[in-house]
Full PDB file with SEQRES, HELIX, SHEET, SSBOND, CRYST1, ORIGX, SCALE, CONECT and MASTER records, all heavy atoms in Angstrom:
SEQRES   1 A   36  ARG ILE GLU SER LEU ALA ARG GLU LEU GLY MET SER SER          
SEQRES   2 A   36  THR ARG PHE HIS HIS HIS PHE LYS ALA VAL THR ASP MET          
SEQRES   3 A   36  SER PRO LEU GLN PHE GLN LYS GLN LEU ARG                      
HELIX    1 AA1 ILE A    2  GLU A    8  1                                   7    
HELIX    2 AA2 SER A   13  THR A   24  1                                  12    
HELIX    3 AA3 PRO A   28  LEU A   35  1                                   8    
CRYST1    1.000    1.000    1.000  90.00  90.00  90.00 P 1           1          
ORIGX1      1.000000  0.000000  0.000000        0.00000                         
ORIGX2      0.000000  1.000000  0.000000        0.00000                         
ORIGX3      0.000000  0.000000  1.000000        0.00000                         
SCALE1      1.000000  0.000000  0.000000        0.00000                         
SCALE2      0.000000  1.000000  0.000000        0.00000                         
SCALE3      0.000000  0.000000  1.000000        0.00000                         
ATOM      1  N   ARG A   1     -21.245-130.566  96.934  1.00  0.00           N  
ATOM      2  CA  ARG A   1     -22.126-129.916  95.968  1.00  0.00           C  
ATOM      3  C   ARG A   1     -22.174-128.432  96.294  1.00  0.00           C  
ATOM      4  O   ARG A   1     -22.917-127.988  97.178  1.00  0.00           O  
ATOM      5  CB  ARG A   1     -23.516-130.556  96.011  1.00  0.00           C  
ATOM      6  CG  ARG A   1     -23.510-132.034  95.610  1.00  0.00           C  
ATOM      7  CD  ARG A   1     -24.898-132.656  95.692  1.00  0.00           C  
ATOM      8  NE  ARG A   1     -24.895-134.038  95.220  1.00  0.00           N  
ATOM      9  CZ  ARG A   1     -24.591-135.087  95.978  1.00  0.00           C  
ATOM     10  NH1 ARG A   1     -24.267-134.906  97.258  1.00  0.00           N  
ATOM     11  NH2 ARG A   1     -24.596-136.315  95.467  1.00  0.00           N  
ATOM     12  N   ILE A   2     -21.335-127.677  95.580  1.00  0.00           N  
ATOM     13  CA  ILE A   2     -21.148-126.261  95.887  1.00  0.00           C  
ATOM     14  C   ILE A   2     -22.456-125.475  95.778  1.00  0.00           C  
ATOM     15  O   ILE A   2     -22.796-124.680  96.665  1.00  0.00           O  
ATOM     16  CB  ILE A   2     -20.100-125.638  94.943  1.00  0.00           C  
ATOM     17  CG1 ILE A   2     -18.738-126.311  95.134  1.00  0.00           C  
ATOM     18  CG2 ILE A   2     -19.986-124.139  95.213  1.00  0.00           C  
ATOM     19  CD1 ILE A   2     -18.128-126.105  96.486  1.00  0.00           C  
ATOM     20  N   GLU A   3     -23.203-125.698  94.708  1.00  0.00           N  
ATOM     21  CA  GLU A   3     -24.431-124.920  94.506  1.00  0.00           C  
ATOM     22  C   GLU A   3     -25.415-125.156  95.642  1.00  0.00           C  
ATOM     23  O   GLU A   3     -26.036-124.212  96.149  1.00  0.00           O  
ATOM     24  CB  GLU A   3     -25.071-125.277  93.161  1.00  0.00           C  
ATOM     25  CG  GLU A   3     -24.281-124.791  91.966  1.00  0.00           C  
ATOM     26  CD  GLU A   3     -25.005-125.070  90.650  1.00  0.00           C  
ATOM     27  OE1 GLU A   3     -26.148-125.575  90.710  1.00  0.00           O  
ATOM     28  OE2 GLU A   3     -24.430-124.781  89.589  1.00  0.00           O  
ATOM     29  N   SER A   4     -25.549-126.406  96.075  1.00  0.00           N  
ATOM     30  CA  SER A   4     -26.471-126.739  97.153  1.00  0.00           C  
ATOM     31  C   SER A   4     -26.013-126.111  98.468  1.00  0.00           C  
ATOM     32  O   SER A   4     -26.813-125.527  99.212  1.00  0.00           O  
ATOM     33  CB  SER A   4     -26.581-128.258  97.299  1.00  0.00           C  
ATOM     34  OG  SER A   4     -27.386-128.604  98.406  1.00  0.00           O  
ATOM     35  N   LEU A   5     -24.711-126.208  98.763  1.00  0.00           N  
ATOM     36  CA  LEU A   5     -24.184-125.642 100.003  1.00  0.00           C  
ATOM     37  C   LEU A   5     -24.333-124.128 100.014  1.00  0.00           C  
ATOM     38  O   LEU A   5     -24.758-123.540 101.022  1.00  0.00           O  
ATOM     39  CB  LEU A   5     -22.710-126.029 100.162  1.00  0.00           C  
ATOM     40  CG  LEU A   5     -21.986-125.476 101.403  1.00  0.00           C  
ATOM     41  CD1 LEU A   5     -22.691-125.891 102.684  1.00  0.00           C  
ATOM     42  CD2 LEU A   5     -20.526-125.943 101.407  1.00  0.00           C  
ATOM     43  N   ALA A   6     -23.994-123.491  98.897  1.00  0.00           N  
ATOM     44  CA  ALA A   6     -24.112-122.034  98.820  1.00  0.00           C  
ATOM     45  C   ALA A   6     -25.559-121.591  99.013  1.00  0.00           C  
ATOM     46  O   ALA A   6     -25.841-120.615  99.717  1.00  0.00           O  
ATOM     47  CB  ALA A   6     -23.576-121.545  97.477  1.00  0.00           C  
ATOM     48  N   ARG A   7     -26.476-122.320  98.395  1.00  0.00           N  
ATOM     49  CA  ARG A   7     -27.897-121.973  98.516  1.00  0.00           C  
ATOM     50  C   ARG A   7     -28.367-122.101  99.962  1.00  0.00           C  
ATOM     51  O   ARG A   7     -29.097-121.240 100.466  1.00  0.00           O  
ATOM     52  CB  ARG A   7     -28.725-122.874  97.602  1.00  0.00           C  
ATOM     53  CG  ARG A   7     -30.195-122.486  97.524  1.00  0.00           C  
ATOM     54  CD  ARG A   7     -30.895-123.189  96.366  1.00  0.00           C  
ATOM     55  NE  ARG A   7     -30.745-124.640  96.426  1.00  0.00           N  
ATOM     56  CZ  ARG A   7     -30.002-125.339  95.574  1.00  0.00           C  
ATOM     57  NH1 ARG A   7     -29.349-124.726  94.596  1.00  0.00           N  
ATOM     58  NH2 ARG A   7     -29.917-126.661  95.673  1.00  0.00           N  
ATOM     59  N   GLU A   8     -27.930-123.162 100.651  1.00  0.00           N  
ATOM     60  CA  GLU A   8     -28.308-123.337 102.058  1.00  0.00           C  
ATOM     61  C   GLU A   8     -27.769-122.205 102.926  1.00  0.00           C  
ATOM     62  O   GLU A   8     -28.383-121.838 103.938  1.00  0.00           O  
ATOM     63  CB  GLU A   8     -27.768-124.669 102.573  1.00  0.00           C  
ATOM     64  CG  GLU A   8     -28.485-125.885 102.020  1.00  0.00           C  
ATOM     65  CD  GLU A   8     -27.883-127.175 102.545  1.00  0.00           C  
ATOM     66  OE1 GLU A   8     -27.429-127.164 103.716  1.00  0.00           O  
ATOM     67  OE2 GLU A   8     -27.845-128.160 101.796  1.00  0.00           O  
ATOM     68  N   LEU A   9     -26.636-121.630 102.533  1.00  0.00           N  
ATOM     69  CA  LEU A   9     -26.026-120.559 103.306  1.00  0.00           C  
ATOM     70  C   LEU A   9     -26.485-119.172 102.854  1.00  0.00           C  
ATOM     71  O   LEU A   9     -26.016-118.155 103.371  1.00  0.00           O  
ATOM     72  CB  LEU A   9     -24.497-120.649 103.196  1.00  0.00           C  
ATOM     73  CG  LEU A   9     -23.874-121.916 103.809  1.00  0.00           C  
ATOM     74  CD1 LEU A   9     -22.395-122.004 103.471  1.00  0.00           C  
ATOM     75  CD2 LEU A   9     -24.071-121.945 105.318  1.00  0.00           C  
ATOM     76  N   GLY A  10     -27.395-119.157 101.867  1.00  0.00           N  
ATOM     77  CA  GLY A  10     -27.950-117.888 101.427  1.00  0.00           C  
ATOM     78  C   GLY A  10     -27.065-117.092 100.495  1.00  0.00           C  
ATOM     79  O   GLY A  10     -27.113-115.860 100.468  1.00  0.00           O  
ATOM     80  N   MET A  11     -26.222-117.780  99.715  1.00  0.00           N  
ATOM     81  CA  MET A  11     -25.311-117.117  98.787  1.00  0.00           C  
ATOM     82  C   MET A  11     -25.414-117.746  97.413  1.00  0.00           C  
ATOM     83  O   MET A  11     -25.803-118.911  97.281  1.00  0.00           O  
ATOM     84  CB  MET A  11     -23.849-117.246  99.245  1.00  0.00           C  
ATOM     85  CG  MET A  11     -23.441-116.402 100.412  1.00  0.00           C  
ATOM     86  SD  MET A  11     -21.647-116.566 100.692  1.00  0.00           S  
ATOM     87  CE  MET A  11     -21.410-115.403 102.032  1.00  0.00           C  
ATOM     88  N   SER A  12     -25.031-116.983  96.406  1.00  0.00           N  
ATOM     89  CA  SER A  12     -24.849-117.570  95.082  1.00  0.00           C  
ATOM     90  C   SER A  12     -23.546-118.360  95.088  1.00  0.00           C  
ATOM     91  O   SER A  12     -22.676-118.133  95.937  1.00  0.00           O  
ATOM     92  CB  SER A  12     -24.773-116.478  94.016  1.00  0.00           C  
ATOM     93  OG  SER A  12     -23.590-115.712  94.177  1.00  0.00           O  
ATOM     94  N   SER A  13     -23.384-119.281  94.145  1.00  0.00           N  
ATOM     95  CA  SER A  13     -22.149-120.072  94.071  1.00  0.00           C  
ATOM     96  C   SER A  13     -20.932-119.178  93.883  1.00  0.00           C  
ATOM     97  O   SER A  13     -19.885-119.376  94.516  1.00  0.00           O  
ATOM     98  CB  SER A  13     -22.232-121.077  92.918  1.00  0.00           C  
ATOM     99  OG  SER A  13     -23.273-121.996  93.128  1.00  0.00           O  
ATOM    100  N   THR A  14     -21.076-118.174  93.015  1.00  0.00           N  
ATOM    101  CA  THR A  14     -19.955-117.269  92.737  1.00  0.00           C  
ATOM    102  C   THR A  14     -19.556-116.486  93.982  1.00  0.00           C  
ATOM    103  O   THR A  14     -18.367-116.375  94.312  1.00  0.00           O  
ATOM    104  CB  THR A  14     -20.333-116.289  91.613  1.00  0.00           C  
ATOM    105  OG1 THR A  14     -20.670-117.036  90.449  1.00  0.00           O  
ATOM    106  CG2 THR A  14     -19.173-115.353  91.296  1.00  0.00           C  
ATOM    107  N   ARG A  15     -20.543-115.954  94.687  1.00  0.00           N  
ATOM    108  CA  ARG A  15     -20.254-115.170  95.889  1.00  0.00           C  
ATOM    109  C   ARG A  15     -19.667-116.052  96.986  1.00  0.00           C  
ATOM    110  O   ARG A  15     -18.749-115.647  97.705  1.00  0.00           O  
ATOM    111  CB  ARG A  15     -21.548-114.515  96.366  1.00  0.00           C  
ATOM    112  CG  ARG A  15     -21.360-113.502  97.495  1.00  0.00           C  
ATOM    113  CD  ARG A  15     -22.569-112.573  97.575  1.00  0.00           C  
ATOM    114  NE  ARG A  15     -22.484-111.738  98.759  1.00  0.00           N  
ATOM    115  CZ  ARG A  15     -23.191-111.909  99.865  1.00  0.00           C  
ATOM    116  NH1 ARG A  15     -24.054-112.932  99.936  1.00  0.00           N  
ATOM    117  NH2 ARG A  15     -23.071-111.105 100.899  1.00  0.00           N  
ATOM    118  N   PHE A  16     -20.184-117.270  97.097  1.00  0.00           N  
ATOM    119  CA  PHE A  16     -19.656-118.198  98.092  1.00  0.00           C  
ATOM    120  C   PHE A  16     -18.185-118.511  97.816  1.00  0.00           C  
ATOM    121  O   PHE A  16     -17.338-118.454  98.719  1.00  0.00           O  
ATOM    122  CB  PHE A  16     -20.481-119.486  98.087  1.00  0.00           C  
ATOM    123  CG  PHE A  16     -19.949-120.562  98.978  1.00  0.00           C  
ATOM    124  CD1 PHE A  16     -19.936-120.420 100.359  1.00  0.00           C  
ATOM    125  CD2 PHE A  16     -19.438-121.741  98.440  1.00  0.00           C  
ATOM    126  CE1 PHE A  16     -19.439-121.412 101.185  1.00  0.00           C  
ATOM    127  CE2 PHE A  16     -18.937-122.740  99.254  1.00  0.00           C  
ATOM    128  CZ  PHE A  16     -18.940-122.576 100.631  1.00  0.00           C  
ATOM    129  N   HIS A  17     -17.866-118.844  96.568  1.00  0.00           N  
ATOM    130  CA  HIS A  17     -16.477-119.107  96.184  1.00  0.00           C  
ATOM    131  C   HIS A  17     -15.592-117.917  96.537  1.00  0.00           C  
ATOM    132  O   HIS A  17     -14.487-118.072  97.072  1.00  0.00           O  
ATOM    133  CB  HIS A  17     -16.387-119.369  94.677  1.00  0.00           C  
ATOM    134  CG  HIS A  17     -16.374-120.819  94.316  1.00  0.00           C  
ATOM    135  ND1 HIS A  17     -15.270-121.618  94.454  1.00  0.00           N  
ATOM    136  CD2 HIS A  17     -17.349-121.614  93.808  1.00  0.00           C  
ATOM    137  CE1 HIS A  17     -15.541-122.841  94.040  1.00  0.00           C  
ATOM    138  NE2 HIS A  17     -16.805-122.868  93.650  1.00  0.00           N  
ATOM    139  N   HIS A  18     -16.062-116.727  96.209  1.00  0.00           N  
ATOM    140  CA  HIS A  18     -15.280-115.507  96.395  1.00  0.00           C  
ATOM    141  C   HIS A  18     -14.954-115.304  97.871  1.00  0.00           C  
ATOM    142  O   HIS A  18     -13.796-115.095  98.250  1.00  0.00           O  
ATOM    143  CB  HIS A  18     -16.079-114.325  95.849  1.00  0.00           C  
ATOM    144  CG  HIS A  18     -15.356-113.020  95.963  1.00  0.00           C  
ATOM    145  ND1 HIS A  18     -14.217-112.736  95.259  1.00  0.00           N  
ATOM    146  CD2 HIS A  18     -15.616-111.919  96.721  1.00  0.00           C  
ATOM    147  CE1 HIS A  18     -13.799-111.517  95.555  1.00  0.00           C  
ATOM    148  NE2 HIS A  18     -14.637-110.996  96.447  1.00  0.00           N  
ATOM    149  N   HIS A  19     -15.965-115.382  98.721  1.00  0.00           N  
ATOM    150  CA  HIS A  19     -15.753-115.157 100.149  1.00  0.00           C  
ATOM    151  C   HIS A  19     -14.953-116.293 100.777  1.00  0.00           C  
ATOM    152  O   HIS A  19     -14.113-116.065 101.660  1.00  0.00           O  
ATOM    153  CB  HIS A  19     -17.090-115.005 100.878  1.00  0.00           C  
ATOM    154  CG  HIS A  19     -17.766-113.697 100.630  1.00  0.00           C  
ATOM    155  ND1 HIS A  19     -17.123-112.489 100.788  1.00  0.00           N  
ATOM    156  CD2 HIS A  19     -19.028-113.395 100.245  1.00  0.00           C  
ATOM    157  CE1 HIS A  19     -17.953-111.506 100.519  1.00  0.00           C  
ATOM    158  NE2 HIS A  19     -19.121-112.033 100.172  1.00  0.00           N  
ATOM    159  N   PHE A  20     -15.190-117.528 100.346  1.00  0.00           N  
ATOM    160  CA  PHE A  20     -14.475-118.682 100.890  1.00  0.00           C  
ATOM    161  C   PHE A  20     -12.976-118.541 100.623  1.00  0.00           C  
ATOM    162  O   PHE A  20     -12.153-118.719 101.532  1.00  0.00           O  
ATOM    163  CB  PHE A  20     -15.007-119.971 100.262  1.00  0.00           C  
ATOM    164  CG  PHE A  20     -14.551-121.226 100.959  1.00  0.00           C  
ATOM    165  CD1 PHE A  20     -15.368-121.852 101.888  1.00  0.00           C  
ATOM    166  CD2 PHE A  20     -13.310-121.793 100.691  1.00  0.00           C  
ATOM    167  CE1 PHE A  20     -14.962-123.009 102.546  1.00  0.00           C  
ATOM    168  CE2 PHE A  20     -12.892-122.943 101.336  1.00  0.00           C  
ATOM    169  CZ  PHE A  20     -13.719-123.558 102.265  1.00  0.00           C  
ATOM    170  N   LYS A  21     -12.615-118.193  99.398  1.00  0.00           N  
ATOM    171  CA  LYS A  21     -11.190-118.071  99.068  1.00  0.00           C  
ATOM    172  C   LYS A  21     -10.572-116.842  99.722  1.00  0.00           C  
ATOM    173  O   LYS A  21      -9.390-116.848 100.086  1.00  0.00           O  
ATOM    174  CB  LYS A  21     -10.997-118.022  97.554  1.00  0.00           C  
ATOM    175  CG  LYS A  21      -9.531-118.159  97.155  1.00  0.00           C  
ATOM    176  CD  LYS A  21      -9.363-118.665  95.748  1.00  0.00           C  
ATOM    177  CE  LYS A  21      -7.901-119.002  95.485  1.00  0.00           C  
ATOM    178  NZ  LYS A  21      -7.691-119.598  94.145  1.00  0.00           N  
ATOM    179  N   ALA A  22     -11.368-115.772  99.888  1.00  0.00           N  
ATOM    180  CA  ALA A  22     -10.849-114.574 100.544  1.00  0.00           C  
ATOM    181  C   ALA A  22     -10.425-114.866 101.976  1.00  0.00           C  
ATOM    182  O   ALA A  22      -9.469-114.283 102.490  1.00  0.00           O  
ATOM    183  CB  ALA A  22     -11.907-113.471 100.536  1.00  0.00           C  
ATOM    184  N   VAL A  23     -11.110-115.783 102.634  1.00  0.00           N  
ATOM    185  CA  VAL A  23     -10.809-116.120 104.023  1.00  0.00           C  
ATOM    186  C   VAL A  23      -9.750-117.211 104.127  1.00  0.00           C  
ATOM    187  O   VAL A  23      -8.828-117.124 104.942  1.00  0.00           O  
ATOM    188  CB  VAL A  23     -12.094-116.550 104.766  1.00  0.00           C  
ATOM    189  CG1 VAL A  23     -11.761-117.100 106.156  1.00  0.00           C  
ATOM    190  CG2 VAL A  23     -13.062-115.375 104.888  1.00  0.00           C  
ATOM    191  N   THR A  24      -9.848-118.255 103.312  1.00  0.00           N  
ATOM    192  CA  THR A  24      -9.030-119.460 103.505  1.00  0.00           C  
ATOM    193  C   THR A  24      -7.840-119.592 102.562  1.00  0.00           C  
ATOM    194  O   THR A  24      -6.985-120.459 102.777  1.00  0.00           O  
ATOM    195  CB  THR A  24      -9.887-120.725 103.326  1.00  0.00           C  
ATOM    196  OG1 THR A  24     -10.298-120.819 101.954  1.00  0.00           O  
ATOM    197  CG2 THR A  24     -11.122-120.675 104.229  1.00  0.00           C  
ATOM    198  N   ASP A  25      -7.766-118.782 101.505  1.00  0.00           N  
ATOM    199  CA  ASP A  25      -6.742-118.920 100.463  1.00  0.00           C  
ATOM    200  C   ASP A  25      -6.923-120.190  99.642  1.00  0.00           C  
ATOM    201  O   ASP A  25      -6.022-120.603  98.911  1.00  0.00           O  
ATOM    202  CB  ASP A  25      -5.321-118.916 101.042  1.00  0.00           C  
ATOM    203  CG  ASP A  25      -4.904-117.550 101.557  1.00  0.00           C  
ATOM    204  OD1 ASP A  25      -5.220-116.551 100.891  1.00  0.00           O  
ATOM    205  OD2 ASP A  25      -4.286-117.477 102.629  1.00  0.00           O  
ATOM    206  N   MET A  26      -8.080-120.859  99.785  1.00  0.00           N  
ATOM    207  CA  MET A  26      -8.356-122.096  99.053  1.00  0.00           C  
ATOM    208  C   MET A  26      -9.776-122.077  98.513  1.00  0.00           C  
ATOM    209  O   MET A  26     -10.641-121.391  99.067  1.00  0.00           O  
ATOM    210  CB  MET A  26      -8.222-123.316  99.987  1.00  0.00           C  
ATOM    211  CG  MET A  26      -6.816-123.667 100.390  1.00  0.00           C  
ATOM    212  SD  MET A  26      -6.787-124.998 101.642  1.00  0.00           S  
ATOM    213  CE  MET A  26      -6.819-124.003 103.134  1.00  0.00           C  
ATOM    214  N   SER A  27     -10.007-122.845  97.469  1.00  0.00           N  
ATOM    215  CA  SER A  27     -11.372-123.086  97.026  1.00  0.00           C  
ATOM    216  C   SER A  27     -11.987-124.133  97.942  1.00  0.00           C  
ATOM    217  O   SER A  27     -11.265-124.866  98.633  1.00  0.00           O  
ATOM    218  CB  SER A  27     -11.382-123.594  95.581  1.00  0.00           C  
ATOM    219  OG  SER A  27     -10.881-124.924  95.528  1.00  0.00           O  
ATOM    220  N   PRO A  28     -13.316-124.258  97.983  1.00  0.00           N  
ATOM    221  CA  PRO A  28     -13.926-125.311  98.801  1.00  0.00           C  
ATOM    222  C   PRO A  28     -13.421-126.704  98.445  1.00  0.00           C  
ATOM    223  O   PRO A  28     -13.201-127.542  99.327  1.00  0.00           O  
ATOM    224  CB  PRO A  28     -15.421-125.152  98.505  1.00  0.00           C  
ATOM    225  CG  PRO A  28     -15.588-123.718  98.143  1.00  0.00           C  
ATOM    226  CD  PRO A  28     -14.333-123.374  97.393  1.00  0.00           C  
ATOM    227  N   LEU A  29     -13.202-126.963  97.151  1.00  0.00           N  
ATOM    228  CA  LEU A  29     -12.717-128.281  96.738  1.00  0.00           C  
ATOM    229  C   LEU A  29     -11.295-128.537  97.231  1.00  0.00           C  
ATOM    230  O   LEU A  29     -10.963-129.646  97.666  1.00  0.00           O  
ATOM    231  CB  LEU A  29     -12.781-128.415  95.215  1.00  0.00           C  
ATOM    232  CG  LEU A  29     -14.181-128.645  94.627  1.00  0.00           C  
ATOM    233  CD1 LEU A  29     -14.141-128.530  93.102  1.00  0.00           C  
ATOM    234  CD2 LEU A  29     -14.729-130.010  95.042  1.00  0.00           C  
ATOM    235  N   GLN A  30     -10.438-127.511  97.164  1.00  0.00           N  
ATOM    236  CA  GLN A  30      -9.073-127.661  97.677  1.00  0.00           C  
ATOM    237  C   GLN A  30      -9.092-127.916  99.186  1.00  0.00           C  
ATOM    238  O   GLN A  30      -8.334-128.751  99.689  1.00  0.00           O  
ATOM    239  CB  GLN A  30      -8.263-126.395  97.382  1.00  0.00           C  
ATOM    240  CG  GLN A  30      -7.871-126.214  95.932  1.00  0.00           C  
ATOM    241  CD  GLN A  30      -7.190-124.876  95.711  1.00  0.00           C  
ATOM    242  OE1 GLN A  30      -7.648-123.826  96.197  1.00  0.00           O  
ATOM    243  NE2 GLN A  30      -6.090-124.874  94.977  1.00  0.00           N  
ATOM    244  N   PHE A  31      -9.953-127.196  99.882  1.00  0.00           N  
ATOM    245  CA  PHE A  31     -10.085-127.354 101.328  1.00  0.00           C  
ATOM    246  C   PHE A  31     -10.495-128.788 101.664  1.00  0.00           C  
ATOM    247  O   PHE A  31      -9.893-129.452 102.510  1.00  0.00           O  
ATOM    248  CB  PHE A  31     -11.128-126.359 101.847  1.00  0.00           C  
ATOM    249  CG  PHE A  31     -11.315-126.357 103.343  1.00  0.00           C  
ATOM    250  CD1 PHE A  31     -10.568-125.510 104.145  1.00  0.00           C  
ATOM    251  CD2 PHE A  31     -12.243-127.191 103.944  1.00  0.00           C  
ATOM    252  CE1 PHE A  31     -10.740-125.497 105.521  1.00  0.00           C  
ATOM    253  CE2 PHE A  31     -12.428-127.185 105.328  1.00  0.00           C  
ATOM    254  CZ  PHE A  31     -11.670-126.331 106.105  1.00  0.00           C  
ATOM    255  N   GLN A  32     -11.522-129.290 100.971  1.00  0.00           N  
ATOM    256  CA  GLN A  32     -11.990-130.646 101.219  1.00  0.00           C  
ATOM    257  C   GLN A  32     -10.901-131.674 100.895  1.00  0.00           C  
ATOM    258  O   GLN A  32     -10.693-132.634 101.642  1.00  0.00           O  
ATOM    259  CB  GLN A  32     -13.237-130.941 100.387  1.00  0.00           C  
ATOM    260  CG  GLN A  32     -13.817-132.324 100.638  1.00  0.00           C  
ATOM    261  CD  GLN A  32     -14.822-132.731  99.588  1.00  0.00           C  
ATOM    262  OE1 GLN A  32     -14.530-132.746  98.393  1.00  0.00           O  
ATOM    263  NE2 GLN A  32     -16.039-133.048 100.034  1.00  0.00           N  
ATOM    264  N   LYS A  33     -10.196-131.468  99.781  1.00  0.00           N  
ATOM    265  CA  LYS A  33      -9.165-132.426  99.381  1.00  0.00           C  
ATOM    266  C   LYS A  33      -8.063-132.518 100.423  1.00  0.00           C  
ATOM    267  O   LYS A  33      -7.609-133.620 100.768  1.00  0.00           O  
ATOM    268  CB  LYS A  33      -8.574-132.024  98.022  1.00  0.00           C  
ATOM    269  CG  LYS A  33      -7.490-132.971  97.526  1.00  0.00           C  
ATOM    270  CD  LYS A  33      -6.917-132.527  96.200  1.00  0.00           C  
ATOM    271  CE  LYS A  33      -7.914-132.715  95.078  1.00  0.00           C  
ATOM    272  NZ  LYS A  33      -7.307-132.451  93.737  1.00  0.00           N  
ATOM    273  N   GLN A  34      -7.633-131.372 100.967  1.00  0.00           N  
ATOM    274  CA  GLN A  34      -6.575-131.413 101.965  1.00  0.00           C  
ATOM    275  C   GLN A  34      -7.036-132.103 103.245  1.00  0.00           C  
ATOM    276  O   GLN A  34      -6.279-132.845 103.877  1.00  0.00           O  
ATOM    277  CB  GLN A  34      -6.073-129.995 102.251  1.00  0.00           C  
ATOM    278  CG  GLN A  34      -5.323-129.398 101.080  1.00  0.00           C  
ATOM    279  CD  GLN A  34      -4.452-128.223 101.468  1.00  0.00           C  
ATOM    280  OE1 GLN A  34      -4.035-128.087 102.609  1.00  0.00           O  
ATOM    281  NE2 GLN A  34      -4.168-127.363 100.511  1.00  0.00           N  
ATOM    282  N   LEU A  35      -8.279-131.880 103.641  1.00  0.00           N  
ATOM    283  CA  LEU A  35      -8.814-132.590 104.801  1.00  0.00           C  
ATOM    284  C   LEU A  35      -8.824-134.099 104.559  1.00  0.00           C  
ATOM    285  O   LEU A  35      -8.453-134.888 105.435  1.00  0.00           O  
ATOM    286  CB  LEU A  35     -10.237-132.116 105.102  1.00  0.00           C  
ATOM    287  CG  LEU A  35     -10.409-130.717 105.687  1.00  0.00           C  
ATOM    288  CD1 LEU A  35     -11.893-130.417 105.860  1.00  0.00           C  
ATOM    289  CD2 LEU A  35      -9.684-130.573 107.016  1.00  0.00           C  
ATOM    290  N   ARG A  36      -9.256-134.503 103.372  1.00  0.00           N  
ATOM    291  CA  ARG A  36      -9.306-135.936 103.043  1.00  0.00           C  
ATOM    292  C   ARG A  36      -7.917-136.561 103.070  1.00  0.00           C  
ATOM    293  O   ARG A  36      -7.725-137.650 103.635  1.00  0.00           O  
ATOM    294  CB  ARG A  36      -9.924-136.126 101.653  1.00  0.00           C  
ATOM    295  CG  ARG A  36     -11.426-135.898 101.607  1.00  0.00           C  
ATOM    296  CD  ARG A  36     -11.967-136.101 100.200  1.00  0.00           C  
ATOM    297  NE  ARG A  36     -13.431-136.154 100.207  1.00  0.00           N  
ATOM    298  CZ  ARG A  36     -14.170-136.412  99.132  1.00  0.00           C  
ATOM    299  NH1 ARG A  36     -13.572-136.637  97.960  1.00  0.00           N  
ATOM    300  NH2 ARG A  36     -15.482-136.458  99.234  1.00  0.00           N  
TER     301      ARG A  36                                                      
MASTER        0    0    0    3    0    0    0    6  300    1    0    3          
END                                                                             
């Protein structure tokens, strides 16, 4: 749940997505899928 996770980390969903992809080259969903 991206919105919930972003809120817990003190970010908006958009900002969280932006910073997450800037670091990992993946969206959170892509990251989770590859781990699974």
